[in-house]
Amino acid sequence: VQLQASGGGLVQAGGSLRLSCAASGSLFSMNRMGWFRQAPGKQRELVASITGIGGTYYANAVKGRFTISRERAKSTMYLQMNSLNSEDTAVYYCNVHTGTVWSSSWGQGTQVTVSS
């Protein structure tokens, strides 16, 4: 599996960004996909995930502000991020669940920086 996240950038607090994740390789379209983030000095954390049939999960810190979606035909996943704040500053990664664990193929990630 190859995963490429994009769409990050510098945004002011209160602003919005939309991240995209393009997936290729041995990918099961029904597998759960997710967005993770890692801030400096912190562990990587799951931000949001979506199942093959559209079921979603959001971390409490982003609930109500972020929206995850996917286009299975394009093997593409998105993360719409609104009302961004400085605590959202991190490198964002996308990943696909193999059915037992998250894939070890993380890709490069995309940097999101929120200025106050």
Protein backbone atom coordinates (compact mmCIF):
# COMPACT_ATOMS: atom_id res chain seq x y z
CA VAL A 1 0.00 0.00 0.00
CA GLN A 2 1.22 3.46 -0.88
CA LEU A 3 -0.35 6.46 0.78
CA GLN A 4 0.23 10.12 -0.04
CA ALA A 5 -1.21 12.87 2.09
CA SER A 6 -1.45 16.43 0.78
CA GLY A 7 -3.20 19.72 1.37
CA GLY A 8 -1.44 20.95 4.47
CA GLY A 9 -0.16 24.48 4.94
CA LEU A 10 -0.06 27.53 7.13
CA VAL A 11 -3.41 28.90 8.28
CA GLN A 12 -4.57 31.39 10.87
CA ALA A 13 -6.48 30.28 13.91
CA GLY A 14 -10.14 29.88 13.03
CA GLY A 15 -9.33 29.01 9.45
CA SER A 16 -9.91 25.85 7.43
CA LEU A 17 -7.93 23.32 5.43
CA ARG A 18 -8.84 20.24 3.44
CA LEU A 19 -6.43 17.34 3.42
CA SER A 20 -6.41 14.64 0.76
CA CYS A 21 -5.03 11.12 0.83
CA ALA A 22 -4.38 9.16 -2.33
CA ALA A 23 -4.01 5.41 -1.87
CA SER A 24 -2.59 2.89 -4.30
CA GLY A 25 -1.35 -0.66 -4.31
CA SER A 26 -2.99 -3.63 -2.62
CA LEU A 27 -5.87 -1.82 -1.09
CA PHE A 28 -9.20 -3.20 0.00
CA SER A 29 -11.84 -0.60 -0.69
CA MET A 30 -13.88 -1.83 2.23
CA ASN A 31 -11.06 -1.35 4.73
CA ARG A 32 -11.16 1.33 7.35
CA MET A 33 -8.97 4.34 6.61
CA GLY A 34 -7.83 6.96 9.01
CA TRP A 35 -6.09 10.25 9.61
CA PHE A 36 -3.41 10.49 12.25
CA ARG A 37 -1.35 13.43 13.43
CA GLN A 38 1.91 13.87 15.30
CA ALA A 39 2.85 17.11 16.99
CA PRO A 40 6.44 17.84 18.02
CA GLY A 41 7.35 15.88 21.13
CA LYS A 42 4.08 13.96 21.14
CA GLN A 43 3.00 10.53 20.08
CA ARG A 44 1.14 9.95 16.86
CA GLU A 45 -2.59 9.92 17.50
CA LEU A 46 -5.67 8.86 15.58
CA VAL A 47 -7.72 11.90 14.62
CA ALA A 48 -10.52 10.36 12.58
CA SER A 49 -11.34 7.17 10.73
CA ILE A 50 -13.93 5.95 8.27
CA THR A 51 -15.05 2.44 7.41
CA GLY A 52 -15.78 1.08 3.96
CA ILE A 53 -19.48 1.69 4.49
CA GLY A 54 -19.06 5.20 5.85
CA GLY A 55 -19.01 4.70 9.58
CA THR A 56 -16.91 7.39 11.23
CA TYR A 57 -14.91 7.96 14.37
CA TYR A 58 -13.52 11.25 15.66
CA ALA A 59 -11.18 12.00 18.50
CA ASN A 60 -12.79 14.23 21.11
CA ALA A 61 -10.36 17.04 20.33
CA VAL A 62 -11.65 17.40 16.77
CA LYS A 63 -15.26 16.33 17.08
CA GLY A 64 -17.57 18.92 15.55
CA ARG A 65 -14.73 20.65 13.69
CA PHE A 66 -13.29 17.97 11.40
CA THR A 67 -15.11 15.86 8.84
CA ILE A 68 -13.68 12.73 7.26
CA SER A 69 -14.92 11.38 3.92
CA ARG A 70 -13.79 9.06 1.16
CA GLU A 71 -14.34 8.35 -2.50
CA ARG A 72 -13.90 4.61 -2.83
CA ALA A 73 -13.88 4.67 -6.62
CA LYS A 74 -10.87 6.99 -6.49
CA SER A 75 -9.24 5.36 -3.46
CA THR A 76 -9.12 8.84 -2.00
CA MET A 77 -9.87 10.08 1.47
CA TYR A 78 -10.35 13.61 2.74
CA LEU A 79 -10.24 15.49 6.01
CA GLN A 80 -12.07 18.80 6.13
CA MET A 81 -10.70 20.79 9.06
CA ASN A 82 -12.57 23.84 10.30
CA SER A 83 -12.10 26.19 13.25
CA LEU A 84 -8.45 25.28 13.45
CA ASN A 85 -6.45 26.21 16.53
CA SER A 86 -2.82 26.04 17.53
CA GLU A 87 -3.26 22.60 19.07
CA ASP A 88 -4.04 21.24 15.62
CA THR A 89 -0.50 22.04 14.47
CA ALA A 90 1.11 18.73 13.51
CA VAL A 91 2.16 16.51 10.66
CA TYR A 92 -0.90 14.70 9.40
CA TYR A 93 -0.69 11.17 8.02
CA CYS A 94 -3.21 8.89 6.42
CA ASN A 95 -3.31 5.14 6.77
CA VAL A 96 -5.37 2.09 5.96
CA HIS A 97 -6.35 -0.67 8.35
CA THR A 98 -5.41 -4.17 7.21
CA GLY A 99 -8.16 -5.80 9.21
CA THR A 100 -5.94 -6.50 12.19
CA VAL A 101 -3.61 -3.52 12.48
CA TRP A 102 -2.92 -0.21 10.80
CA SER A 103 -0.57 -0.51 7.86
CA SER A 104 3.12 0.13 8.46
CA SER A 105 3.20 2.27 5.28
CA TRP A 106 2.76 5.77 6.63
CA GLY A 107 3.95 7.91 3.77
CA GLN A 108 5.48 11.35 4.21
CA GLY A 109 2.58 13.15 5.79
CA THR A 110 1.57 16.76 5.31
CA GLN A 111 2.41 19.62 7.67
CA VAL A 112 -0.41 21.70 9.13
CA THR A 113 0.61 24.83 10.99
CA VAL A 114 -1.95 27.03 12.71
CA SER A 115 -0.82 30.51 13.70
CA SER A 116 -2.50 32.35 16.54
